[in-house]
Amino acid sequence: MVLFAAVFNIGNLLLRPSVASLISQRAETGQDVAMGLENSFMSLGRVFGPLWAGTAYDINMTRPFWSGAIMQGLALLASFRYLKIPQSAPLPESGAIAAE
């Protein structure tokens, strides 16, 4: 159990800076607003996640695990939709570089 928890936590530790960087790069209104919203939602997850998991565990022992798996699956689908790879600009020809 400790090994799996360590792997999960290491993944989360590596993911957080990447998510913060992506949010700040893709922000359309302002980076301060985007980063504030990101921190707000992270805090909400830290509060409501254990509350939900405890309540779901009281109902059925496997319910928090299944609900977590469903939420992660939905997040994966959302990431496929919203994190499309931007089309890169075509590379300049070698003659164009020499002309500059």
PDB file of N, CA and C in Angstrom:
ATOM      1  N   MET A   1       0.829  -1.198   0.000  1.00  0.00           N
ATOM      2  CA  MET A   1       0.000   0.000   0.000  1.00  0.00           C
ATOM      3  C   MET A   1       0.871   1.259   0.000  1.00  0.00           C
ATOM      4  N   VAL A   2       1.930   1.227   0.787  1.00  0.00           N
ATOM      5  CA  VAL A   2       2.813   2.390   0.858  1.00  0.00           C
ATOM      6  C   VAL A   2       3.494   2.633  -0.487  1.00  0.00           C
ATOM      7  N   LEU A   3       3.869   1.567  -1.171  1.00  0.00           N
ATOM      8  CA  LEU A   3       4.515   1.696  -2.472  1.00  0.00           C
ATOM      9  C   LEU A   3       3.579   2.356  -3.485  1.00  0.00           C
ATOM     10  N   PHE A   4       2.333   1.909  -3.549  1.00  0.00           N
ATOM     11  CA  PHE A   4       1.370   2.493  -4.484  1.00  0.00           C
ATOM     12  C   PHE A   4       1.064   3.949  -4.124  1.00  0.00           C
ATOM     13  N   ALA A   5       0.957   4.251  -2.832  1.00  0.00           N
ATOM     14  CA  ALA A   5       0.717   5.631  -2.415  1.00  0.00           C
ATOM     15  C   ALA A   5       1.908   6.512  -2.786  1.00  0.00           C
ATOM     16  N   ALA A   6       3.126   5.972  -2.644  1.00  0.00           N
ATOM     17  CA  ALA A   6       4.319   6.752  -3.006  1.00  0.00           C
ATOM     18  C   ALA A   6       4.350   7.032  -4.496  1.00  0.00           C
ATOM     19  N   VAL A   7       4.026   6.049  -5.322  1.00  0.00           N
ATOM     20  CA  VAL A   7       4.007   6.256  -6.775  1.00  0.00           C
ATOM     21  C   VAL A   7       2.949   7.287  -7.148  1.00  0.00           C
ATOM     22  N   PHE A   8       1.782   7.196  -6.549  1.00  0.00           N
ATOM     23  CA  PHE A   8       0.712   8.154  -6.835  1.00  0.00           C
ATOM     24  C   PHE A   8       1.116   9.567  -6.439  1.00  0.00           C
ATOM     25  N   ASN A   9       1.717   9.719  -5.259  1.00  0.00           N
ATOM     26  CA  ASN A   9       2.114  11.044  -4.794  1.00  0.00           C
ATOM     27  C   ASN A   9       3.259  11.624  -5.618  1.00  0.00           C
ATOM     28  N   ILE A  10       4.186  10.791  -6.050  1.00  0.00           N
ATOM     29  CA  ILE A  10       5.264  11.276  -6.913  1.00  0.00           C
ATOM     30  C   ILE A  10       4.683  11.768  -8.235  1.00  0.00           C
ATOM     31  N   GLY A  11       3.712  11.039  -8.779  1.00  0.00           N
ATOM     32  CA  GLY A  11       3.047  11.489  -9.999  1.00  0.00           C
ATOM     33  C   GLY A  11       2.368  12.826  -9.816  1.00  0.00           C
ATOM     34  N   ASN A  12       1.697  13.009  -8.694  1.00  0.00           N
ATOM     35  CA  ASN A  12       1.039  14.293  -8.425  1.00  0.00           C
ATOM     36  C   ASN A  12       2.061  15.412  -8.252  1.00  0.00           C
ATOM     37  N   LEU A  13       3.180  15.123  -7.591  1.00  0.00           N
ATOM     38  CA  LEU A  13       4.208  16.143  -7.405  1.00  0.00           C
ATOM     39  C   LEU A  13       4.821  16.564  -8.730  1.00  0.00           C
ATOM     40  N   LEU A  14       4.967  15.641  -9.654  1.00  0.00           N
ATOM     41  CA  LEU A  14       5.518  15.973 -10.958  1.00  0.00           C
ATOM     42  C   LEU A  14       4.485  16.668 -11.848  1.00  0.00           C
ATOM     43  N   LEU A  15       3.225  16.388 -11.619  1.00  0.00           N
ATOM     44  CA  LEU A  15       2.168  16.940 -12.458  1.00  0.00           C
ATOM     45  C   LEU A  15       1.829  18.385 -12.118  1.00  0.00           C
ATOM     46  N   ARG A  16       1.880  18.749 -10.874  1.00  0.00           N
ATOM     47  CA  ARG A  16       1.436  20.092 -10.452  1.00  0.00           C
ATOM     48  C   ARG A  16       2.194  21.230 -11.132  1.00  0.00           C
ATOM     49  N   PRO A  17       3.531  21.226 -11.191  1.00  0.00           N
ATOM     50  CA  PRO A  17       4.201  22.330 -11.900  1.00  0.00           C
ATOM     51  C   PRO A  17       3.859  22.376 -13.387  1.00  0.00           C
ATOM     52  N   SER A  18       3.656  21.215 -13.993  1.00  0.00           N
ATOM     53  CA  SER A  18       3.301  21.186 -15.407  1.00  0.00           C
ATOM     54  C   SER A  18       1.923  21.793 -15.639  1.00  0.00           C
ATOM     55  N   VAL A  19       0.998  21.466 -14.777  1.00  0.00           N
ATOM     56  CA  VAL A  19      -0.355  22.023 -14.902  1.00  0.00           C
ATOM     57  C   VAL A  19      -0.333  23.528 -14.681  1.00  0.00           C
ATOM     58  N   ALA A  20       0.416  23.988 -13.692  1.00  0.00           N
ATOM     59  CA  ALA A  20       0.505  25.427 -13.437  1.00  0.00           C
ATOM     60  C   ALA A  20       1.127  26.149 -14.634  1.00  0.00           C
ATOM     61  N   SER A  21       2.145  25.564 -15.228  1.00  0.00           N
ATOM     62  CA  SER A  21       2.774  26.171 -16.401  1.00  0.00           C
ATOM     63  C   SER A  21       1.813  26.226 -17.580  1.00  0.00           C
ATOM     64  N   LEU A  22       1.085  25.142 -17.810  1.00  0.00           N
ATOM     65  CA  LEU A  22       0.130  25.103 -18.909  1.00  0.00           C
ATOM     66  C   LEU A  22      -0.980  26.128 -18.711  1.00  0.00           C
ATOM     67  N   ILE A  23      -1.462  26.244 -17.488  1.00  0.00           N
ATOM     68  CA  ILE A  23      -2.525  27.211 -17.208  1.00  0.00           C
ATOM     69  C   ILE A  23      -2.032  28.635 -17.439  1.00  0.00           C
ATOM     70  N   SER A  24      -0.819  28.932 -16.989  1.00  0.00           N
ATOM     71  CA  SER A  24      -0.317  30.298 -17.161  1.00  0.00           C
ATOM     72  C   SER A  24      -0.039  30.617 -18.627  1.00  0.00           C
ATOM     73  N   GLN A  25       0.351  29.621 -19.411  1.00  0.00           N
ATOM     74  CA  GLN A  25       0.610  29.864 -20.831  1.00  0.00           C
ATOM     75  C   GLN A  25      -0.670  30.020 -21.639  1.00  0.00           C
ATOM     76  N   ARG A  26      -1.705  29.295 -21.262  1.00  0.00           N
ATOM     77  CA  ARG A  26      -2.953  29.324 -22.031  1.00  0.00           C
ATOM     78  C   ARG A  26      -3.967  30.332 -21.499  1.00  0.00           C
ATOM     79  N   ALA A  27      -3.609  31.095 -20.496  1.00  0.00           N
ATOM     80  CA  ALA A  27      -4.547  32.050 -19.905  1.00  0.00           C
ATOM     81  C   ALA A  27      -4.903  33.121 -20.920  1.00  0.00           C
ATOM     82  N   GLU A  28      -6.190  33.375 -21.086  1.00  0.00           N
ATOM     83  CA  GLU A  28      -6.647  34.389 -22.032  1.00  0.00           C
ATOM     84  C   GLU A  28      -6.971  35.707 -21.337  1.00  0.00           C
ATOM     85  N   THR A  29      -7.357  35.652 -20.068  1.00  0.00           N
ATOM     86  CA  THR A  29      -7.702  36.886 -19.365  1.00  0.00           C
ATOM     87  C   THR A  29      -6.475  37.492 -18.706  1.00  0.00           C
ATOM     88  N   GLY A  30      -5.843  36.773 -17.857  1.00  0.00           N
ATOM     89  CA  GLY A  30      -4.659  37.238 -17.157  1.00  0.00           C
ATOM     90  C   GLY A  30      -4.079  36.082 -16.376  1.00  0.00           C
ATOM     91  N   GLN A  31      -2.777  36.054 -16.280  1.00  0.00           N
ATOM     92  CA  GLN A  31      -2.156  34.944 -15.578  1.00  0.00           C
ATOM     93  C   GLN A  31      -2.505  34.943 -14.103  1.00  0.00           C
ATOM     94  N   ASP A  32      -2.650  36.114 -13.513  1.00  0.00           N
ATOM     95  CA  ASP A  32      -2.974  36.166 -12.091  1.00  0.00           C
ATOM     96  C   ASP A  32      -4.353  35.585 -11.805  1.00  0.00           C
ATOM     97  N   VAL A  33      -5.307  35.882 -12.672  1.00  0.00           N
ATOM     98  CA  VAL A  33      -6.661  35.338 -12.507  1.00  0.00           C
ATOM     99  C   VAL A  33      -6.647  33.826 -12.701  1.00  0.00           C
ATOM    100  N   ALA A  34      -5.956  33.357 -13.722  1.00  0.00           N
ATOM    101  CA  ALA A  34      -5.910  31.927 -14.015  1.00  0.00           C
ATOM    102  C   ALA A  34      -5.234  31.156 -12.888  1.00  0.00           C
ATOM    103  N   MET A  35      -4.135  31.689 -12.378  1.00  0.00           N
ATOM    104  CA  MET A  35      -3.424  30.991 -11.311  1.00  0.00           C
ATOM    105  C   MET A  35      -4.232  31.024 -10.006  1.00  0.00           C
ATOM    106  N   GLY A  36      -4.952  32.109  -9.770  1.00  0.00           N
ATOM    107  CA  GLY A  36      -5.813  32.173  -8.597  1.00  0.00           C
ATOM    108  C   GLY A  36      -6.932  31.148  -8.660  1.00  0.00           C
ATOM    109  N   LEU A  37      -7.533  31.019  -9.847  1.00  0.00           N
ATOM    110  CA  LEU A  37      -8.582  30.008 -10.013  1.00  0.00           C
ATOM    111  C   LEU A  37      -8.023  28.603  -9.842  1.00  0.00           C
ATOM    112  N   GLU A  38      -6.821  28.372 -10.365  1.00  0.00           N
ATOM    113  CA  GLU A  38      -6.199  27.048 -10.226  1.00  0.00           C
ATOM    114  C   GLU A  38      -5.974  26.719  -8.755  1.00  0.00           C
ATOM    115  N   ASN A  39      -5.461  27.673  -8.000  1.00  0.00           N
ATOM    116  CA  ASN A  39      -5.246  27.444  -6.566  1.00  0.00           C
ATOM    117  C   ASN A  39      -6.557  27.266  -5.818  1.00  0.00           C
ATOM    118  N   SER A  40      -7.598  27.990  -6.220  1.00  0.00           N
ATOM    119  CA  SER A  40      -8.901  27.847  -5.579  1.00  0.00           C
ATOM    120  C   SER A  40      -9.471  26.456  -5.793  1.00  0.00           C
ATOM    121  N   PHE A  41      -9.384  25.962  -7.028  1.00  0.00           N
ATOM    122  CA  PHE A  41      -9.914  24.632  -7.300  1.00  0.00           C
ATOM    123  C   PHE A  41      -9.086  23.537  -6.644  1.00  0.00           C
ATOM    124  N   MET A  42      -7.776  23.750  -6.531  1.00  0.00           N
ATOM    125  CA  MET A  42      -6.947  22.776  -5.819  1.00  0.00           C
ATOM    126  C   MET A  42      -7.358  22.713  -4.343  1.00  0.00           C
ATOM    127  N   SER A  43      -7.631  23.880  -3.750  1.00  0.00           N
ATOM    128  CA  SER A  43      -8.050  23.920  -2.351  1.00  0.00           C
ATOM    129  C   SER A  43      -9.422  23.276  -2.172  1.00  0.00           C
ATOM    130  N   LEU A  44     -10.334  23.550  -3.103  1.00  0.00           N
ATOM    131  CA  LEU A  44     -11.658  22.923  -3.025  1.00  0.00           C
ATOM    132  C   LEU A  44     -11.545  21.399  -3.111  1.00  0.00           C
ATOM    133  N   GLY A  45     -10.654  20.927  -3.965  1.00  0.00           N
ATOM    134  CA  GLY A  45     -10.450  19.481  -4.069  1.00  0.00           C
ATOM    135  C   GLY A  45      -9.898  18.878  -2.793  1.00  0.00           C
ATOM    136  N   ARG A  46      -9.027  19.612  -2.124  1.00  0.00           N
ATOM    137  CA  ARG A  46      -8.460  19.113  -0.866  1.00  0.00           C
ATOM    138  C   ARG A  46      -9.489  19.106   0.261  1.00  0.00           C
ATOM    139  N   VAL A  47     -10.496  19.964   0.158  1.00  0.00           N
ATOM    140  CA  VAL A  47     -11.535  20.004   1.189  1.00  0.00           C
ATOM    141  C   VAL A  47     -12.641  18.995   0.886  1.00  0.00           C
ATOM    142  N   PHE A  48     -13.194  19.064  -0.320  1.00  0.00           N
ATOM    143  CA  PHE A  48     -14.359  18.247  -0.631  1.00  0.00           C
ATOM    144  C   PHE A  48     -14.014  16.811  -1.001  1.00  0.00           C
ATOM    145  N   GLY A  49     -12.797  16.551  -1.436  1.00  0.00           N
ATOM    146  CA  GLY A  49     -12.398  15.187  -1.773  1.00  0.00           C
ATOM    147  C   GLY A  49     -12.507  14.236  -0.589  1.00  0.00           C
ATOM    148  N   PRO A  50     -11.862  14.556   0.535  1.00  0.00           N
ATOM    149  CA  PRO A  50     -12.001  13.672   1.702  1.00  0.00           C
ATOM    150  C   PRO A  50     -13.419  13.620   2.261  1.00  0.00           C
ATOM    151  N   LEU A  51     -14.140  14.744   2.179  1.00  0.00           N
ATOM    152  CA  LEU A  51     -15.534  14.715   2.655  1.00  0.00           C
ATOM    153  C   LEU A  51     -16.371  13.745   1.823  1.00  0.00           C
ATOM    154  N   TRP A  52     -16.221  13.813   0.495  1.00  0.00           N
ATOM    155  CA  TRP A  52     -16.951  12.916  -0.382  1.00  0.00           C
ATOM    156  C   TRP A  52     -16.512  11.470  -0.173  1.00  0.00           C
ATOM    157  N   ALA A  53     -15.208  11.253  -0.087  1.00  0.00           N
ATOM    158  CA  ALA A  53     -14.703   9.892   0.055  1.00  0.00           C
ATOM    159  C   ALA A  53     -15.171   9.254   1.359  1.00  0.00           C
ATOM    160  N   GLY A  54     -15.179  10.026   2.431  1.00  0.00           N
ATOM    161  CA  GLY A  54     -15.655   9.483   3.710  1.00  0.00           C
ATOM    162  C   GLY A  54     -17.131   9.137   3.676  1.00  0.00           C
ATOM    163  N   THR A  55     -17.920  10.005   3.073  1.00  0.00           N
ATOM    164  CA  THR A  55     -19.356   9.745   2.961  1.00  0.00           C
ATOM    165  C   THR A  55     -19.622   8.550   2.054  1.00  0.00           C
ATOM    166  N   ALA A  56     -18.920   8.493   0.929  1.00  0.00           N
ATOM    167  CA  ALA A  56     -19.104   7.381   0.002  1.00  0.00           C
ATOM    168  C   ALA A  56     -18.648   6.064   0.624  1.00  0.00           C
ATOM    169  N   TYR A  57     -17.603   6.117   1.432  1.00  0.00           N
ATOM    170  CA  TYR A  57     -17.108   4.900   2.097  1.00  0.00           C
ATOM    171  C   TYR A  57     -18.131   4.378   3.091  1.00  0.00           C
ATOM    172  N   ASP A  58     -18.851   5.291   3.746  1.00  0.00           N
ATOM    173  CA  ASP A  58     -19.899   4.861   4.672  1.00  0.00           C
ATOM    174  C   ASP A  58     -21.021   4.144   3.929  1.00  0.00           C
ATOM    175  N   ILE A  59     -21.291   4.544   2.703  1.00  0.00           N
ATOM    176  CA  ILE A  59     -22.344   3.908   1.912  1.00  0.00           C
ATOM    177  C   ILE A  59     -21.890   2.537   1.418  1.00  0.00           C
ATOM    178  N   ASN A  60     -20.711   2.494   0.812  1.00  0.00           N
ATOM    179  CA  ASN A  60     -20.168   1.247   0.280  1.00  0.00           C
ATOM    180  C   ASN A  60     -18.649   1.388   0.259  1.00  0.00           C
ATOM    181  N   MET A  61     -17.939   0.341   0.625  1.00  0.00           N
ATOM    182  CA  MET A  61     -16.490   0.421   0.779  1.00  0.00           C
ATOM    183  C   MET A  61     -15.769   0.691  -0.537  1.00  0.00           C
ATOM    184  N   THR A  62     -16.333   0.299  -1.660  1.00  0.00           N
ATOM    185  CA  THR A  62     -15.655   0.498  -2.942  1.00  0.00           C
ATOM    186  C   THR A  62     -16.093   1.772  -3.669  1.00  0.00           C
ATOM    187  N   ARG A  63     -17.120   2.423  -3.170  1.00  0.00           N
ATOM    188  CA  ARG A  63     -17.657   3.607  -3.859  1.00  0.00           C
ATOM    189  C   ARG A  63     -16.650   4.747  -4.026  1.00  0.00           C
ATOM    190  N   PRO A  64     -15.826   5.098  -3.022  1.00  0.00           N
ATOM    191  CA  PRO A  64     -14.878   6.200  -3.261  1.00  0.00           C
ATOM    192  C   PRO A  64     -13.850   5.867  -4.334  1.00  0.00           C
ATOM    193  N   PHE A  65     -13.467   4.611  -4.432  1.00  0.00           N
ATOM    194  CA  PHE A  65     -12.489   4.226  -5.447  1.00  0.00           C
ATOM    195  C   PHE A  65     -13.085   4.289  -6.846  1.00  0.00           C
ATOM    196  N   TRP A  66     -14.317   3.819  -6.977  1.00  0.00           N
ATOM    197  CA  TRP A  66     -14.969   3.881  -8.286  1.00  0.00           C
ATOM    198  C   TRP A  66     -15.272   5.323  -8.682  1.00  0.00           C
ATOM    199  N   SER A  67     -15.695   6.134  -7.726  1.00  0.00           N
ATOM    200  CA  SER A  67     -15.979   7.529  -8.074  1.00  0.00           C
ATOM    201  C   SER A  67     -14.686   8.259  -8.433  1.00  0.00           C
ATOM    202  N   GLY A  68     -13.584   7.950  -7.767  1.00  0.00           N
ATOM    203  CA  GLY A  68     -12.300   8.543  -8.137  1.00  0.00           C
ATOM    204  C   GLY A  68     -11.857   8.121  -9.523  1.00  0.00           C
ATOM    205  N   ALA A  69     -12.065   6.841  -9.853  1.00  0.00           N
ATOM    206  CA  ALA A  69     -11.702   6.357 -11.185  1.00  0.00           C
ATOM    207  C   ALA A  69     -12.548   7.026 -12.261  1.00  0.00           C
ATOM    208  N   ILE A  70     -13.829   7.219 -11.992  1.00  0.00           N
ATOM    209  CA  ILE A  70     -14.710   7.882 -12.958  1.00  0.00           C
ATOM    210  C   ILE A  70     -14.294   9.338 -13.147  1.00  0.00           C
ATOM    211  N   MET A  71     -13.970  10.030 -12.055  1.00  0.00           N
ATOM    212  CA  MET A  71     -13.548  11.426 -12.171  1.00  0.00           C
ATOM    213  C   MET A  71     -12.233  11.548 -12.938  1.00  0.00           C
ATOM    214  N   GLN A  72     -11.312  10.634 -12.707  1.00  0.00           N
ATOM    215  CA  GLN A  72     -10.050  10.680 -13.442  1.00  0.00           C
ATOM    216  C   GLN A  72     -10.261  10.353 -14.915  1.00  0.00           C
ATOM    217  N   GLY A  73     -11.190   9.459 -15.211  1.00  0.00           N
ATOM    218  CA  GLY A  73     -11.511   9.160 -16.601  1.00  0.00           C
ATOM    219  C   GLY A  73     -12.122  10.363 -17.299  1.00  0.00           C
ATOM    220  N   LEU A  74     -13.014  11.068 -16.608  1.00  0.00           N
ATOM    221  CA  LEU A  74     -13.596  12.286 -17.180  1.00  0.00           C
ATOM    222  C   LEU A  74     -12.533  13.359 -17.393  1.00  0.00           C
ATOM    223  N   ALA A  75     -11.605  13.467 -16.457  1.00  0.00           N
ATOM    224  CA  ALA A  75     -10.514  14.441 -16.623  1.00  0.00           C
ATOM    225  C   ALA A  75      -9.635  14.069 -17.807  1.00  0.00           C
ATOM    226  N   LEU A  76      -9.411  12.781 -18.023  1.00  0.00           N
ATOM    227  CA  LEU A  76      -8.621  12.340 -19.170  1.00  0.00           C
ATOM    228  C   LEU A  76      -9.322  12.698 -20.478  1.00  0.00           C
ATOM    229  N   LEU A  77     -10.631  12.459 -20.543  1.00  0.00           N
ATOM    230  CA  LEU A  77     -11.385  12.819 -21.742  1.00  0.00           C
ATOM    231  C   LEU A  77     -11.383  14.326 -21.975  1.00  0.00           C
ATOM    232  N   ALA A  78     -11.504  15.091 -20.894  1.00  0.00           N
ATOM    233  CA  ALA A  78     -11.469  16.551 -21.029  1.00  0.00           C
ATOM    234  C   ALA A  78     -10.100  17.015 -21.505  1.00  0.00           C
ATOM    235  N   SER A  79      -9.048  16.357 -21.034  1.00  0.00           N
ATOM    236  CA  SER A  79      -7.709  16.775 -21.473  1.00  0.00           C
ATOM    237  C   SER A  79      -7.503  16.480 -22.947  1.00  0.00           C
ATOM    238  N   PHE A  80      -8.072  15.386 -23.450  1.00  0.00           N
ATOM    239  CA  PHE A  80      -7.967  15.111 -24.882  1.00  0.00           C
ATOM    240  C   PHE A  80      -8.696  16.169 -25.695  1.00  0.00           C
ATOM    241  N   ARG A  81      -9.775  16.694 -25.154  1.00  0.00           N
ATOM    242  CA  ARG A  81     -10.559  17.680 -25.884  1.00  0.00           C
ATOM    243  C   ARG A  81      -9.917  19.062 -25.846  1.00  0.00           C
ATOM    244  N   TYR A  82      -9.447  19.473 -24.677  1.00  0.00           N
ATOM    245  CA  TYR A  82      -8.980  20.845 -24.513  1.00  0.00           C
ATOM    246  C   TYR A  82      -7.480  21.030 -24.735  1.00  0.00           C
ATOM    247  N   LEU A  83      -6.726  19.969 -24.719  1.00  0.00           N
ATOM    248  CA  LEU A  83      -5.281  20.087 -24.866  1.00  0.00           C
ATOM    249  C   LEU A  83      -4.834  19.608 -26.234  1.00  0.00           C
ATOM    250  N   LYS A  84      -5.519  20.069 -27.246  1.00  0.00           N
ATOM    251  CA  LYS A  84      -5.132  19.710 -28.601  1.00  0.00           C
ATOM    252  C   LYS A  84      -3.746  20.259 -28.889  1.00  0.00           C
ATOM    253  N   ILE A  85      -2.967  19.501 -29.632  1.00  0.00           N
ATOM    254  CA  ILE A  85      -1.628  19.936 -29.986  1.00  0.00           C
ATOM    255  C   ILE A  85      -1.749  21.063 -31.003  1.00  0.00           C
ATOM    256  N   PRO A  86      -1.179  22.244 -30.691  1.00  0.00           N
ATOM    257  CA  PRO A  86      -1.285  23.347 -31.653  1.00  0.00           C
ATOM    258  C   PRO A  86      -0.458  23.037 -32.891  1.00  0.00           C
ATOM    259  N   GLN A  87      -1.004  23.422 -34.027  1.00  0.00           N
ATOM    260  CA  GLN A  87      -0.277  23.191 -35.264  1.00  0.00           C
ATOM    261  C   GLN A  87       0.870  24.174 -35.328  1.00  0.00           C
ATOM    262  N   SER A  88       2.050  23.651 -35.542  1.00  0.00           N
ATOM    263  CA  SER A  88       3.226  24.516 -35.578  1.00  0.00           C
ATOM    264  C   SER A  88       3.335  25.184 -36.944  1.00  0.00           C
ATOM    265  N   ALA A  89       3.979  26.323 -36.944  1.00  0.00           N
ATOM    266  CA  ALA A  89       4.194  27.056 -38.187  1.00  0.00           C
ATOM    267  C   ALA A  89       5.208  26.298 -39.033  1.00  0.00           C
ATOM    268  N   PRO A  90       5.067  26.354 -40.352  1.00  0.00           N
ATOM    269  CA  PRO A  90       6.034  25.642 -41.192  1.00  0.00           C
ATOM    270  C   PRO A  90       7.425  26.246 -41.036  1.00  0.00           C
ATOM    271  N   LEU A  91       8.411  25.387 -41.116  1.00  0.00           N
ATOM    272  CA  LEU A  91       9.788  25.844 -40.996  1.00  0.00           C
ATOM    273  C   LEU A  91      10.188  26.653 -42.223  1.00  0.00           C
ATOM    274  N   PRO A  92      10.946  27.725 -42.031  1.00  0.00           N
ATOM    275  CA  PRO A  92      11.374  28.507 -43.192  1.00  0.00           C
ATOM    276  C   PRO A  92      12.379  27.717 -44.025  1.00  0.00           C
ATOM    277  N   GLU A  93      12.392  28.029 -45.285  1.00  0.00           N
ATOM    278  CA  GLU A  93      13.348  27.357 -46.161  1.00  0.00           C
ATOM    279  C   GLU A  93      14.742  27.891 -45.872  1.00  0.00           C
ATOM    280  N   SER A  94      15.731  27.149 -46.264  1.00  0.00           N
ATOM    281  CA  SER A  94      17.113  27.533 -45.954  1.00  0.00           C
ATOM    282  C   SER A  94      17.493  28.853 -46.607  1.00  0.00           C
ATOM    283  N   GLY A  95      16.928  29.179 -47.764  1.00  0.00           N
ATOM    284  CA  GLY A  95      17.216  30.440 -48.437  1.00  0.00           C
ATOM    285  C   GLY A  95      16.689  31.632 -47.673  1.00  0.00           C
ATOM    286  N   ALA A  96      15.560  31.443 -46.948  1.00  0.00           N
ATOM    287  CA  ALA A  96      14.966  32.545 -46.195  1.00  0.00           C
ATOM    288  C   ALA A  96      15.829  32.911 -45.013  1.00  0.00           C
ATOM    289  N   ILE A  97      16.501  31.955 -44.425  1.00  0.00           N
ATOM    290  CA  ILE A  97      17.347  32.238 -43.284  1.00  0.00           C
ATOM    291  C   ILE A  97      18.564  33.055 -43.733  1.00  0.00           C
ATOM    292  N   ALA A  98      19.134  32.709 -44.864  1.00  0.00           N
ATOM    293  CA  ALA A  98      20.313  33.418 -45.362  1.00  0.00           C
ATOM    294  C   ALA A  98      19.964  34.853 -45.760  1.00  0.00           C
ATOM    295  N   ALA A  99      18.733  35.106 -46.211  1.00  0.00           N
ATOM    296  CA  ALA A  99      18.344  36.441 -46.669  1.00  0.00           C
ATOM    297  C   ALA A  99      18.202  37.397 -45.499  1.00  0.00           C
ATOM    298  N   GLU A 100      17.925  36.867 -44.314  1.00  0.00           N
ATOM    299  CA  GLU A 100      17.741  37.725 -43.148  1.00  0.00           C
ATOM    300  C   GLU A 100      19.073  38.236 -42.735  1.00  0.00           C
TER     301      GLU A 100
END
